[in-house]
């Protein structure tokens, strides 16, 4: 089993971005993060799948030649053939399709989160653990839309952090929706932790609004 010794000096994202993208024919989309694993610091470089290709060096660097496209063949590095380079151009269409889907997702998400914020504000400031109020029916939470957005986010790969937050948001909406169903059916007081749950949902919506609706 290999042993992870960790990094004595961690790479800064901005430094590596400048170094790499000053040597290639077009910018490469990637990010650098420092993560801890088994008590040691590891530098993780994440390269986005959607890239405009082909990518090659503008000038010679070490043993790598300029204007040559390199690819991996198994465990070794090799020069790409003309046919392989031509196939890379097809990835541009895929990239553009993803960009359109991502742009559409954020438009829908902004409307969704703004609408959700209004409904959550109503629950926070206009309801207590009192008897169910019929006006609450006008502020039912959009659970179906939340689940649909979660599915879309998985398909277009918007990142682990956002997917985790959106999953938590959908789960909390589901719980609140069940509480509201319970109140409507019983025409009685909400469950004892209703107040805690609506506060938790309010804080999560506020946090996501601050992060993603700038």
N, C-alpha and C. Protein backbone atom coordinates (compact mmCIF):
# COMPACT_ATOMS: atom_id res chain seq x y z
N UNK A 1 0.84 -1.19 0.00
CA UNK A 1 0.00 0.00 0.00
C UNK A 1 0.88 1.25 0.00
N UNK A 2 0.53 2.22 -0.87
CA UNK A 2 1.30 3.46 -0.95
C UNK A 2 0.99 4.36 0.24
N UNK A 3 2.02 5.11 0.67
CA UNK A 3 1.87 6.00 1.82
C UNK A 3 1.82 7.44 1.34
N UNK A 4 0.84 8.19 1.84
CA UNK A 4 0.70 9.60 1.50
C UNK A 4 1.52 10.42 2.49
N UNK A 5 2.58 11.05 2.01
CA UNK A 5 3.44 11.81 2.92
C UNK A 5 3.00 13.26 3.05
N UNK A 6 2.13 13.73 2.14
CA UNK A 6 1.64 15.10 2.22
C UNK A 6 2.59 16.08 1.55
N UNK A 7 2.16 17.33 1.45
CA UNK A 7 2.95 18.36 0.78
C UNK A 7 3.51 19.34 1.81
N UNK A 8 4.83 19.57 1.76
CA UNK A 8 5.45 20.54 2.66
C UNK A 8 5.07 21.96 2.25
N UNK A 9 4.99 22.20 0.94
CA UNK A 9 4.61 23.50 0.40
C UNK A 9 3.41 23.31 -0.50
N UNK A 10 2.34 24.00 -0.23
CA UNK A 10 1.13 23.86 -1.04
C UNK A 10 1.13 24.87 -2.18
N UNK A 11 0.57 24.47 -3.30
CA UNK A 11 0.49 25.34 -4.47
C UNK A 11 -0.68 26.29 -4.33
N UNK A 12 -0.47 27.54 -4.69
CA UNK A 12 -1.56 28.52 -4.70
C UNK A 12 -2.27 28.46 -6.02
N UNK A 13 -3.60 28.52 -5.98
CA UNK A 13 -4.40 28.43 -7.19
C UNK A 13 -4.01 29.52 -8.18
N UNK A 14 -3.89 30.75 -7.73
CA UNK A 14 -3.59 31.87 -8.63
C UNK A 14 -2.23 31.71 -9.30
N UNK A 15 -1.23 31.23 -8.53
CA UNK A 15 0.12 31.05 -9.09
C UNK A 15 0.13 29.99 -10.18
N UNK A 16 -0.54 28.86 -9.91
CA UNK A 16 -0.55 27.77 -10.90
C UNK A 16 -1.38 28.14 -12.12
N UNK A 17 -2.49 28.88 -11.91
CA UNK A 17 -3.30 29.35 -13.03
C UNK A 17 -2.46 30.20 -13.96
N UNK A 18 -1.70 31.14 -13.38
CA UNK A 18 -0.88 32.04 -14.18
C UNK A 18 0.24 31.28 -14.90
N UNK A 19 0.86 30.33 -14.19
CA UNK A 19 1.96 29.56 -14.77
C UNK A 19 1.49 28.73 -15.96
N UNK A 20 0.43 27.96 -15.78
CA UNK A 20 -0.05 27.06 -16.84
C UNK A 20 -0.59 27.84 -18.02
N UNK A 21 -1.47 28.80 -17.74
CA UNK A 21 -2.16 29.48 -18.84
C UNK A 21 -1.28 30.50 -19.57
N UNK A 22 -0.07 30.74 -19.07
CA UNK A 22 0.88 31.58 -19.80
C UNK A 22 1.65 30.77 -20.83
N UNK A 23 1.48 29.44 -20.80
CA UNK A 23 2.27 28.58 -21.68
C UNK A 23 1.42 27.83 -22.71
N UNK A 24 0.10 27.87 -22.59
CA UNK A 24 -0.75 27.13 -23.51
C UNK A 24 -1.41 28.04 -24.54
N UNK A 25 -1.89 27.44 -25.62
CA UNK A 25 -2.49 28.22 -26.70
C UNK A 25 -3.84 28.81 -26.32
N UNK A 26 -4.51 28.25 -25.33
CA UNK A 26 -5.78 28.79 -24.82
C UNK A 26 -5.89 28.45 -23.34
N UNK A 27 -6.69 29.22 -22.59
CA UNK A 27 -6.80 28.96 -21.15
C UNK A 27 -7.36 27.57 -20.85
N UNK A 28 -6.85 26.98 -19.78
CA UNK A 28 -7.34 25.69 -19.30
C UNK A 28 -8.13 25.94 -18.03
N UNK A 29 -9.33 25.38 -17.97
CA UNK A 29 -10.19 25.56 -16.80
C UNK A 29 -9.87 24.51 -15.75
N UNK A 30 -9.30 24.95 -14.63
CA UNK A 30 -8.99 24.03 -13.52
C UNK A 30 -8.94 24.83 -12.23
N UNK A 31 -8.88 24.13 -11.11
CA UNK A 31 -8.78 24.80 -9.81
C UNK A 31 -7.91 23.95 -8.88
N UNK A 32 -7.28 24.64 -7.95
CA UNK A 32 -6.37 23.99 -7.01
C UNK A 32 -6.92 24.14 -5.61
N UNK A 33 -6.99 23.04 -4.89
CA UNK A 33 -7.49 23.07 -3.51
C UNK A 33 -6.54 22.29 -2.61
N UNK A 34 -6.45 22.72 -1.36
CA UNK A 34 -5.67 21.99 -0.37
C UNK A 34 -6.65 21.25 0.54
N UNK A 35 -6.51 19.95 0.62
CA UNK A 35 -7.40 19.13 1.44
C UNK A 35 -6.58 18.28 2.41
N UNK A 36 -7.20 17.98 3.52
CA UNK A 36 -6.54 17.12 4.51
C UNK A 36 -7.03 15.69 4.38
N UNK A 37 -6.08 14.75 4.44
CA UNK A 37 -6.42 13.33 4.40
C UNK A 37 -5.46 12.60 5.32
N UNK A 38 -6.02 11.90 6.28
CA UNK A 38 -5.22 11.14 7.24
C UNK A 38 -4.18 12.03 7.92
N UNK A 39 -4.57 13.29 8.20
CA UNK A 39 -3.71 14.18 8.97
C UNK A 39 -2.64 14.91 8.17
N UNK A 40 -2.64 14.75 6.84
CA UNK A 40 -1.63 15.45 6.03
C UNK A 40 -2.33 16.33 5.00
N UNK A 41 -1.63 17.40 4.57
CA UNK A 41 -2.16 18.31 3.56
C UNK A 41 -1.84 17.78 2.17
N UNK A 42 -2.85 17.73 1.31
CA UNK A 42 -2.67 17.30 -0.07
C UNK A 42 -3.13 18.41 -1.00
N UNK A 43 -2.37 18.65 -2.05
CA UNK A 43 -2.76 19.61 -3.07
C UNK A 43 -3.51 18.87 -4.16
N UNK A 44 -4.78 19.24 -4.37
CA UNK A 44 -5.62 18.56 -5.35
C UNK A 44 -5.88 19.50 -6.52
N UNK A 45 -5.57 19.03 -7.73
CA UNK A 45 -5.82 19.80 -8.95
C UNK A 45 -6.99 19.17 -9.68
N UNK A 46 -8.09 19.92 -9.81
CA UNK A 46 -9.29 19.44 -10.48
C UNK A 46 -9.40 20.12 -11.85
N UNK A 47 -9.36 19.32 -12.91
CA UNK A 47 -9.45 19.84 -14.27
C UNK A 47 -10.86 19.60 -14.79
N UNK A 48 -11.53 20.66 -15.20
CA UNK A 48 -12.90 20.54 -15.70
C UNK A 48 -12.95 19.69 -16.95
N UNK A 49 -13.99 18.87 -17.07
CA UNK A 49 -14.16 18.01 -18.23
C UNK A 49 -14.42 18.83 -19.49
N UNK A 50 -15.25 19.86 -19.36
CA UNK A 50 -15.62 20.67 -20.52
C UNK A 50 -14.51 21.68 -20.82
N UNK A 51 -13.74 21.41 -21.87
CA UNK A 51 -12.66 22.29 -22.28
C UNK A 51 -12.73 22.49 -23.79
N UNK A 52 -12.27 23.64 -24.24
CA UNK A 52 -12.15 23.86 -25.68
C UNK A 52 -10.83 23.25 -26.13
N UNK A 53 -10.89 22.30 -27.04
CA UNK A 53 -9.71 21.58 -27.49
C UNK A 53 -9.51 21.77 -28.99
N UNK A 54 -8.28 21.49 -29.51
CA UNK A 54 -7.10 20.95 -28.81
C UNK A 54 -6.33 22.02 -28.03
N UNK A 55 -5.58 21.55 -27.06
CA UNK A 55 -4.73 22.42 -26.23
C UNK A 55 -3.29 21.97 -26.41
N UNK A 56 -2.39 22.93 -26.63
CA UNK A 56 -0.98 22.60 -26.81
C UNK A 56 -0.12 23.76 -26.32
N UNK A 57 1.18 23.53 -26.23
CA UNK A 57 2.11 24.56 -25.75
C UNK A 57 2.37 25.59 -26.84
N UNK A 58 2.41 26.86 -26.45
CA UNK A 58 2.73 27.92 -27.39
C UNK A 58 4.25 27.98 -27.63
N UNK A 59 5.05 27.54 -26.64
CA UNK A 59 6.51 27.49 -26.76
C UNK A 59 7.00 26.18 -26.17
N UNK A 60 8.18 25.77 -26.59
CA UNK A 60 8.77 24.55 -26.03
C UNK A 60 8.93 24.70 -24.51
N UNK A 61 8.72 23.59 -23.81
CA UNK A 61 8.89 23.61 -22.36
C UNK A 61 9.48 22.27 -21.95
N UNK A 62 10.74 22.29 -21.52
CA UNK A 62 11.40 21.04 -21.18
C UNK A 62 11.47 20.12 -22.39
N UNK A 63 11.02 18.88 -22.21
CA UNK A 63 11.02 17.91 -23.32
C UNK A 63 9.76 18.00 -24.18
N UNK A 64 8.81 18.87 -23.78
CA UNK A 64 7.56 19.01 -24.53
C UNK A 64 7.73 20.06 -25.62
N UNK A 65 7.21 19.74 -26.80
CA UNK A 65 7.37 20.61 -27.97
C UNK A 65 6.14 21.49 -28.17
N UNK A 66 6.37 22.68 -28.71
CA UNK A 66 5.25 23.57 -29.00
C UNK A 66 4.47 23.08 -30.22
N UNK A 67 3.20 23.47 -30.28
CA UNK A 67 2.32 23.13 -31.40
C UNK A 67 2.12 21.62 -31.57
N UNK A 68 2.38 20.86 -30.53
CA UNK A 68 2.16 19.41 -30.55
C UNK A 68 1.11 19.07 -29.50
N UNK A 69 0.10 18.28 -29.90
CA UNK A 69 -0.96 17.89 -28.97
C UNK A 69 -0.60 16.53 -28.38
N UNK A 70 -0.52 16.48 -27.06
CA UNK A 70 -0.18 15.24 -26.37
C UNK A 70 -1.43 14.59 -25.79
N UNK A 71 -1.49 13.27 -25.82
CA UNK A 71 -2.59 12.52 -25.24
C UNK A 71 -2.01 11.36 -24.44
N UNK A 72 -2.86 10.76 -23.62
CA UNK A 72 -2.46 9.58 -22.86
C UNK A 72 -2.89 8.32 -23.60
N UNK A 73 -1.95 7.37 -23.72
CA UNK A 73 -2.26 6.04 -24.25
C UNK A 73 -1.92 5.04 -23.15
N UNK A 74 -2.95 4.61 -22.43
CA UNK A 74 -2.70 3.74 -21.29
C UNK A 74 -1.96 4.50 -20.22
N UNK A 75 -0.76 4.06 -19.87
CA UNK A 75 0.03 4.71 -18.82
C UNK A 75 1.13 5.58 -19.40
N UNK A 76 1.14 5.78 -20.72
CA UNK A 76 2.20 6.57 -21.34
C UNK A 76 1.63 7.79 -22.07
N UNK A 77 2.51 8.75 -22.38
CA UNK A 77 2.12 9.97 -23.11
C UNK A 77 2.61 9.86 -24.54
N UNK A 78 1.76 10.27 -25.49
CA UNK A 78 2.10 10.15 -26.91
C UNK A 78 1.57 11.37 -27.66
N UNK A 79 2.10 11.58 -28.88
CA UNK A 79 1.61 12.67 -29.71
C UNK A 79 0.33 12.23 -30.41
N UNK A 80 -0.66 13.12 -30.44
CA UNK A 80 -1.95 12.81 -31.07
C UNK A 80 -1.81 12.80 -32.59
N UNK A 81 -2.56 11.92 -33.24
CA UNK A 81 -2.58 11.86 -34.69
C UNK A 81 -3.53 12.94 -35.22
N UNK A 82 -3.44 13.29 -36.52
CA UNK A 82 -4.38 14.27 -37.10
C UNK A 82 -5.84 13.88 -36.89
N UNK A 83 -6.17 12.60 -37.03
CA UNK A 83 -7.56 12.15 -36.82
C UNK A 83 -8.00 12.38 -35.37
N UNK A 84 -7.10 12.10 -34.43
CA UNK A 84 -7.43 12.29 -33.02
C UNK A 84 -7.63 13.78 -32.70
N UNK A 85 -6.82 14.63 -33.32
CA UNK A 85 -6.97 16.07 -33.11
C UNK A 85 -8.30 16.55 -33.69
N UNK A 86 -8.67 16.02 -34.88
CA UNK A 86 -9.94 16.39 -35.50
C UNK A 86 -11.11 16.00 -34.62
N UNK A 87 -11.02 14.84 -33.96
CA UNK A 87 -12.09 14.38 -33.07
C UNK A 87 -12.25 15.29 -31.87
N UNK A 88 -11.14 15.92 -31.45
CA UNK A 88 -11.22 16.82 -30.30
C UNK A 88 -12.12 18.01 -30.58
N UNK A 89 -12.17 18.43 -31.84
CA UNK A 89 -13.01 19.56 -32.20
C UNK A 89 -14.47 19.29 -31.96
N UNK A 90 -14.85 18.02 -31.99
CA UNK A 90 -16.25 17.65 -31.77
C UNK A 90 -16.67 17.94 -30.33
N UNK A 91 -15.68 17.97 -29.44
CA UNK A 91 -15.99 18.24 -28.03
C UNK A 91 -16.52 19.66 -27.83
N UNK A 92 -16.23 20.57 -28.79
CA UNK A 92 -16.68 21.95 -28.65
C UNK A 92 -18.20 22.03 -28.62
N UNK A 93 -18.85 21.20 -29.47
CA UNK A 93 -20.31 21.19 -29.48
C UNK A 93 -20.86 20.75 -28.14
N UNK A 94 -20.22 19.73 -27.55
CA UNK A 94 -20.65 19.24 -26.24
C UNK A 94 -20.46 20.33 -25.19
N UNK A 95 -19.34 21.04 -25.29
CA UNK A 95 -19.06 22.11 -24.34
C UNK A 95 -20.10 23.21 -24.43
N UNK A 96 -20.44 23.62 -25.66
CA UNK A 96 -21.43 24.67 -25.83
C UNK A 96 -22.80 24.24 -25.31
N UNK A 97 -23.16 22.97 -25.55
CA UNK A 97 -24.44 22.47 -25.06
C UNK A 97 -24.48 22.53 -23.54
N UNK A 98 -23.38 22.16 -22.90
CA UNK A 98 -23.33 22.20 -21.44
C UNK A 98 -23.44 23.63 -20.95
N UNK A 99 -22.74 24.56 -21.61
CA UNK A 99 -22.79 25.97 -21.20
C UNK A 99 -24.22 26.50 -21.26
N UNK A 100 -24.95 26.11 -22.31
CA UNK A 100 -26.34 26.55 -22.43
C UNK A 100 -27.20 25.97 -21.31
N UNK A 101 -26.98 24.69 -20.99
CA UNK A 101 -27.74 24.05 -19.93
C UNK A 101 -27.43 24.68 -18.57
N UNK A 102 -26.14 25.00 -18.35
CA UNK A 102 -25.74 25.62 -17.08
C UNK A 102 -26.36 27.00 -16.95
N UNK A 103 -26.33 27.77 -18.04
CA UNK A 103 -26.91 29.11 -18.03
C UNK A 103 -28.41 29.06 -17.74
N UNK A 104 -29.11 28.12 -18.40
CA UNK A 104 -30.54 27.98 -18.18
C UNK A 104 -30.83 27.54 -16.75
N UNK A 105 -30.00 26.63 -16.21
CA UNK A 105 -30.19 26.15 -14.84
C UNK A 105 -30.14 27.32 -13.86
N UNK A 106 -29.13 28.19 -14.00
CA UNK A 106 -28.98 29.29 -13.05
C UNK A 106 -30.12 30.29 -13.15
N UNK A 107 -30.65 30.49 -14.34
CA UNK A 107 -31.81 31.37 -14.49
C UNK A 107 -33.00 30.81 -13.73
N UNK A 108 -33.25 29.51 -13.90
CA UNK A 108 -34.37 28.87 -13.21
C UNK A 108 -34.13 28.84 -11.70
N UNK A 109 -32.88 28.57 -11.31
CA UNK A 109 -32.55 28.48 -9.88
C UNK A 109 -32.76 29.81 -9.18
N UNK A 110 -32.38 30.91 -9.84
CA UNK A 110 -32.55 32.23 -9.23
C UNK A 110 -34.02 32.54 -8.95
N UNK A 111 -34.87 32.22 -9.92
CA UNK A 111 -36.31 32.44 -9.75
C UNK A 111 -36.84 31.54 -8.62
N UNK A 112 -36.39 30.27 -8.64
CA UNK A 112 -36.81 29.30 -7.62
C UNK A 112 -36.43 29.76 -6.22
N UNK A 113 -35.16 30.19 -6.06
CA UNK A 113 -34.69 30.55 -4.73
C UNK A 113 -35.36 31.84 -4.23
N UNK A 114 -35.61 32.78 -5.13
CA UNK A 114 -36.29 34.01 -4.74
C UNK A 114 -37.72 33.71 -4.28
N UNK A 115 -38.40 32.83 -5.01
CA UNK A 115 -39.77 32.45 -4.63
C UNK A 115 -39.76 31.68 -3.31
N UNK A 116 -38.78 30.79 -3.16
CA UNK A 116 -38.67 30.02 -1.92
C UNK A 116 -38.40 30.93 -0.74
N UNK A 117 -37.57 31.94 -0.93
CA UNK A 117 -37.25 32.87 0.15
C UNK A 117 -38.52 33.57 0.65
N UNK A 118 -39.39 33.99 -0.25
CA UNK A 118 -40.63 34.65 0.16
C UNK A 118 -41.51 33.72 0.98
N UNK A 119 -41.60 32.47 0.55
CA UNK A 119 -42.43 31.50 1.27
C UNK A 119 -41.85 31.18 2.64
N UNK A 120 -40.53 31.04 2.69
CA UNK A 120 -39.87 30.72 3.96
C UNK A 120 -39.97 31.91 4.92
N UNK A 121 -39.86 33.12 4.38
CA UNK A 121 -40.04 34.32 5.22
C UNK A 121 -41.43 34.35 5.86
N UNK A 122 -42.44 33.96 5.08
CA UNK A 122 -43.80 33.92 5.61
C UNK A 122 -43.88 32.92 6.77
N UNK A 123 -43.31 31.73 6.55
CA UNK A 123 -43.35 30.71 7.60
C UNK A 123 -42.60 31.17 8.85
N UNK A 124 -41.50 31.86 8.64
CA UNK A 124 -40.68 32.28 9.78
C UNK A 124 -41.37 33.35 10.61
N UNK A 125 -41.97 34.34 9.95
CA UNK A 125 -42.50 35.50 10.66
C UNK A 125 -44.01 35.48 10.88
N UNK A 126 -44.73 34.60 10.19
CA UNK A 126 -46.19 34.63 10.28
C UNK A 126 -46.81 33.38 10.89
N UNK A 127 -45.99 32.42 11.25
CA UNK A 127 -46.53 31.19 11.84
C UNK A 127 -45.82 30.87 13.13
N UNK A 128 -46.53 30.23 14.02
CA UNK A 128 -45.95 29.71 15.25
C UNK A 128 -46.37 28.25 15.33
N UNK A 129 -46.35 27.69 16.51
CA UNK A 129 -46.85 26.32 16.66
C UNK A 129 -48.35 26.30 16.93
N UNK A 130 -49.01 27.36 16.46
CA UNK A 130 -50.44 27.47 16.72
C UNK A 130 -51.23 26.60 15.75
N UNK A 131 -52.56 26.69 15.86
CA UNK A 131 -53.43 25.91 14.98
C UNK A 131 -53.18 26.30 13.53
N UNK A 132 -53.25 25.31 12.66
CA UNK A 132 -52.97 25.51 11.23
C UNK A 132 -53.81 26.63 10.65
N UNK A 133 -53.16 27.53 9.93
CA UNK A 133 -53.82 28.67 9.31
C UNK A 133 -54.05 28.36 7.84
N UNK A 134 -55.25 28.56 7.35
CA UNK A 134 -55.59 28.21 5.96
C UNK A 134 -54.75 29.00 4.95
N UNK A 135 -54.25 30.18 5.34
CA UNK A 135 -53.45 30.97 4.41
C UNK A 135 -52.10 30.32 4.11
N UNK A 136 -51.70 29.38 4.95
CA UNK A 136 -50.43 28.69 4.73
C UNK A 136 -50.47 27.91 3.42
N UNK A 137 -51.64 27.50 2.99
CA UNK A 137 -51.77 26.76 1.74
C UNK A 137 -51.25 27.57 0.55
N UNK A 138 -51.29 28.89 0.68
CA UNK A 138 -50.79 29.75 -0.39
C UNK A 138 -49.26 29.83 -0.38
N UNK A 139 -48.65 29.30 0.65
CA UNK A 139 -47.20 29.38 0.78
C UNK A 139 -46.57 27.99 0.87
N UNK A 140 -47.18 27.02 0.22
CA UNK A 140 -46.61 25.67 0.20
C UNK A 140 -45.27 25.68 -0.52
N UNK A 141 -44.33 24.93 -0.03
CA UNK A 141 -42.98 24.95 -0.57
C UNK A 141 -42.86 24.12 -1.85
N UNK A 142 -42.04 24.57 -2.81
CA UNK A 142 -41.93 23.92 -4.12
C UNK A 142 -41.05 22.68 -4.10
N UNK A 143 -41.53 21.61 -3.48
CA UNK A 143 -40.73 20.40 -3.34
C UNK A 143 -40.45 19.74 -4.68
N UNK A 144 -41.44 19.71 -5.59
CA UNK A 144 -41.24 19.07 -6.89
C UNK A 144 -40.17 19.80 -7.70
N UNK A 145 -40.21 21.13 -7.65
CA UNK A 145 -39.22 21.90 -8.39
C UNK A 145 -37.83 21.73 -7.79
N UNK A 146 -37.75 21.63 -6.47
CA UNK A 146 -36.46 21.42 -5.81
C UNK A 146 -35.85 20.09 -6.25
N UNK A 147 -36.65 19.05 -6.30
CA UNK A 147 -36.15 17.75 -6.73
C UNK A 147 -35.74 17.75 -8.20
N UNK A 148 -36.49 18.49 -9.01
CA UNK A 148 -36.15 18.59 -10.43
C UNK A 148 -34.83 19.32 -10.63
N UNK A 149 -34.61 20.40 -9.88
CA UNK A 149 -33.36 21.14 -9.97
C UNK A 149 -32.18 20.28 -9.49
N UNK A 150 -32.43 19.47 -8.47
CA UNK A 150 -31.39 18.58 -7.96
C UNK A 150 -30.98 17.57 -9.03
N UNK A 151 -31.95 17.07 -9.76
CA UNK A 151 -31.66 16.13 -10.85
C UNK A 151 -30.85 16.81 -11.95
N UNK A 152 -31.25 18.03 -12.33
CA UNK A 152 -30.52 18.77 -13.36
C UNK A 152 -29.09 19.08 -12.94
N UNK A 153 -28.92 19.46 -11.67
CA UNK A 153 -27.59 19.78 -11.16
C UNK A 153 -26.66 18.58 -11.24
N UNK A 154 -27.20 17.39 -11.01
CA UNK A 154 -26.41 16.15 -11.10
C UNK A 154 -25.99 15.88 -12.54
N UNK A 155 -26.89 16.16 -13.47
CA UNK A 155 -26.63 15.88 -14.88
C UNK A 155 -25.57 16.79 -15.48
N UNK A 156 -25.54 18.05 -15.05
CA UNK A 156 -24.58 18.99 -15.65
C UNK A 156 -23.37 19.22 -14.75
N UNK A 157 -23.30 18.52 -13.62
CA UNK A 157 -22.11 18.53 -12.77
C UNK A 157 -21.71 19.94 -12.35
N UNK A 158 -22.42 20.49 -11.38
CA UNK A 158 -22.16 21.85 -10.90
C UNK A 158 -21.25 21.89 -9.68
N UNK A 159 -20.66 20.77 -9.37
CA UNK A 159 -19.71 20.76 -8.26
C UNK A 159 -20.28 20.12 -7.01
N UNK A 160 -19.38 19.52 -6.23
CA UNK A 160 -19.79 18.76 -5.04
C UNK A 160 -20.44 19.65 -3.98
N UNK A 161 -19.84 20.82 -3.74
CA UNK A 161 -20.35 21.69 -2.67
C UNK A 161 -21.78 22.14 -2.96
N UNK A 162 -22.02 22.61 -4.19
CA UNK A 162 -23.35 23.09 -4.54
C UNK A 162 -24.36 21.94 -4.50
N UNK A 163 -23.96 20.78 -5.02
CA UNK A 163 -24.86 19.62 -5.04
C UNK A 163 -25.23 19.20 -3.61
N UNK A 164 -24.25 19.27 -2.70
CA UNK A 164 -24.51 18.92 -1.31
C UNK A 164 -25.51 19.89 -0.68
N UNK A 165 -25.32 21.19 -0.94
CA UNK A 165 -26.23 22.20 -0.40
C UNK A 165 -27.64 22.05 -0.97
N UNK A 166 -27.71 21.80 -2.28
CA UNK A 166 -29.03 21.66 -2.91
C UNK A 166 -29.74 20.41 -2.42
N UNK A 167 -28.99 19.34 -2.17
CA UNK A 167 -29.58 18.11 -1.62
C UNK A 167 -30.15 18.37 -0.23
N UNK A 168 -29.38 19.08 0.60
CA UNK A 168 -29.86 19.42 1.95
C UNK A 168 -31.10 20.30 1.87
N UNK A 169 -31.10 21.25 0.93
CA UNK A 169 -32.24 22.15 0.76
C UNK A 169 -33.49 21.36 0.38
N UNK A 170 -33.36 20.44 -0.57
CA UNK A 170 -34.50 19.62 -0.99
C UNK A 170 -35.00 18.75 0.15
N UNK A 171 -34.08 18.21 0.95
CA UNK A 171 -34.47 17.37 2.09
C UNK A 171 -35.25 18.19 3.13
N UNK A 172 -34.78 19.40 3.41
CA UNK A 172 -35.45 20.23 4.41
C UNK A 172 -36.81 20.71 3.92
N UNK A 173 -36.91 20.99 2.63
CA UNK A 173 -38.20 21.36 2.05
C UNK A 173 -39.18 20.20 2.18
N UNK A 174 -38.67 18.98 1.94
CA UNK A 174 -39.51 17.79 2.04
C UNK A 174 -40.06 17.64 3.46
N UNK A 175 -39.20 17.83 4.46
CA UNK A 175 -39.64 17.71 5.85
C UNK A 175 -40.69 18.77 6.18
N UNK A 176 -40.44 20.01 5.77
CA UNK A 176 -41.39 21.08 6.04
C UNK A 176 -42.72 20.83 5.34
N UNK A 177 -42.67 20.29 4.15
CA UNK A 177 -43.89 19.99 3.40
C UNK A 177 -44.71 18.92 4.13
N UNK A 178 -44.03 17.94 4.69
CA UNK A 178 -44.72 16.89 5.45
C UNK A 178 -45.37 17.48 6.70
N UNK A 179 -44.66 18.40 7.37
CA UNK A 179 -45.22 19.06 8.55
C UNK A 179 -46.48 19.85 8.18
N UNK A 180 -46.42 20.53 7.04
CA UNK A 180 -47.56 21.35 6.62
C UNK A 180 -48.74 20.47 6.22
N UNK A 181 -48.44 19.32 5.63
CA UNK A 181 -49.51 18.35 5.33
C UNK A 181 -50.16 17.85 6.61
N UNK A 182 -49.32 17.59 7.60
CA UNK A 182 -49.82 17.09 8.89
C UNK A 182 -50.73 18.14 9.53
N UNK A 183 -50.30 19.41 9.48
CA UNK A 183 -51.11 20.47 10.06
C UNK A 183 -52.43 20.64 9.34
N UNK A 184 -52.41 20.50 8.01
CA UNK A 184 -53.63 20.66 7.23
C UNK A 184 -54.62 19.53 7.50
N UNK A 185 -54.11 18.32 7.63
CA UNK A 185 -54.98 17.17 7.85
C UNK A 185 -55.58 17.19 9.26
N UNK A 186 -54.77 17.56 10.23
CA UNK A 186 -55.21 17.52 11.63
C UNK A 186 -55.90 18.82 12.06
N UNK A 187 -55.66 19.90 11.26
CA UNK A 187 -56.15 21.22 11.67
C UNK A 187 -55.78 21.48 13.13
N UNK A 188 -54.55 21.19 13.42
CA UNK A 188 -54.11 21.25 14.81
C UNK A 188 -52.72 21.90 14.85
N UNK A 189 -52.08 21.83 16.00
CA UNK A 189 -50.75 22.39 16.14
C UNK A 189 -49.75 21.61 15.30
N UNK A 190 -48.73 22.34 14.84
CA UNK A 190 -47.64 21.69 14.12
C UNK A 190 -46.82 20.85 15.11
N UNK A 191 -46.01 19.91 14.57
CA UNK A 191 -45.12 19.13 15.46
C UNK A 191 -44.23 20.05 16.29
N UNK A 192 -43.76 19.54 17.40
CA UNK A 192 -43.03 20.37 18.36
C UNK A 192 -41.75 21.00 17.79
N UNK A 193 -41.10 20.33 16.84
CA UNK A 193 -39.85 20.89 16.29
C UNK A 193 -40.08 21.67 14.99
N UNK A 194 -41.33 22.06 14.72
CA UNK A 194 -41.65 22.83 13.53
C UNK A 194 -40.88 24.15 13.51
N UNK A 195 -40.82 24.82 14.66
CA UNK A 195 -40.13 26.10 14.74
C UNK A 195 -38.65 25.94 14.43
N UNK A 196 -38.02 24.91 14.98
CA UNK A 196 -36.59 24.66 14.73
C UNK A 196 -36.35 24.40 13.25
N UNK A 197 -37.21 23.61 12.63
CA UNK A 197 -37.04 23.24 11.22
C UNK A 197 -37.18 24.46 10.31
N UNK A 198 -38.15 25.32 10.59
CA UNK A 198 -38.32 26.47 9.71
C UNK A 198 -37.16 27.46 9.88
N UNK A 199 -36.59 27.55 11.09
CA UNK A 199 -35.42 28.39 11.30
C UNK A 199 -34.22 27.85 10.52
N UNK A 200 -34.06 26.53 10.54
CA UNK A 200 -32.96 25.88 9.84
C UNK A 200 -33.08 26.10 8.33
N UNK A 201 -34.30 25.98 7.80
CA UNK A 201 -34.53 26.19 6.38
C UNK A 201 -34.28 27.65 6.02
N UNK A 202 -34.71 28.56 6.86
CA UNK A 202 -34.51 29.99 6.62
C UNK A 202 -33.01 30.31 6.53
N UNK A 203 -32.21 29.76 7.42
CA UNK A 203 -30.77 30.02 7.43
C UNK A 203 -30.11 29.45 6.18
N UNK A 204 -30.54 28.26 5.74
CA UNK A 204 -29.95 27.65 4.55
C UNK A 204 -30.28 28.45 3.30
N UNK A 205 -31.53 28.89 3.17
CA UNK A 205 -31.94 29.69 2.02
C UNK A 205 -31.15 31.01 1.99
N UNK A 206 -31.00 31.64 3.14
CA UNK A 206 -30.25 32.90 3.23
C UNK A 206 -28.79 32.70 2.83
N UNK A 207 -28.20 31.59 3.25
CA UNK A 207 -26.81 31.30 2.92
C UNK A 207 -26.64 31.07 1.42
N UNK A 208 -27.55 30.30 0.82
CA UNK A 208 -27.44 30.01 -0.61
C UNK A 208 -27.72 31.26 -1.44
N UNK A 209 -28.62 32.10 -0.96
CA UNK A 209 -28.88 33.36 -1.67
C UNK A 209 -27.64 34.22 -1.69
N UNK A 210 -26.94 34.30 -0.56
CA UNK A 210 -25.74 35.11 -0.46
C UNK A 210 -24.63 34.56 -1.36
N UNK A 211 -24.56 33.24 -1.48
CA UNK A 211 -23.51 32.62 -2.27
C UNK A 211 -23.79 32.66 -3.77
N UNK A 212 -25.04 32.43 -4.16
CA UNK A 212 -25.32 32.17 -5.57
C UNK A 212 -26.19 33.21 -6.27
N UNK A 213 -26.73 34.18 -5.54
CA UNK A 213 -27.56 35.20 -6.18
C UNK A 213 -26.92 36.57 -6.11
N UNK A 214 -25.61 36.63 -6.24
CA UNK A 214 -24.91 37.91 -6.17
C UNK A 214 -25.09 38.66 -7.50
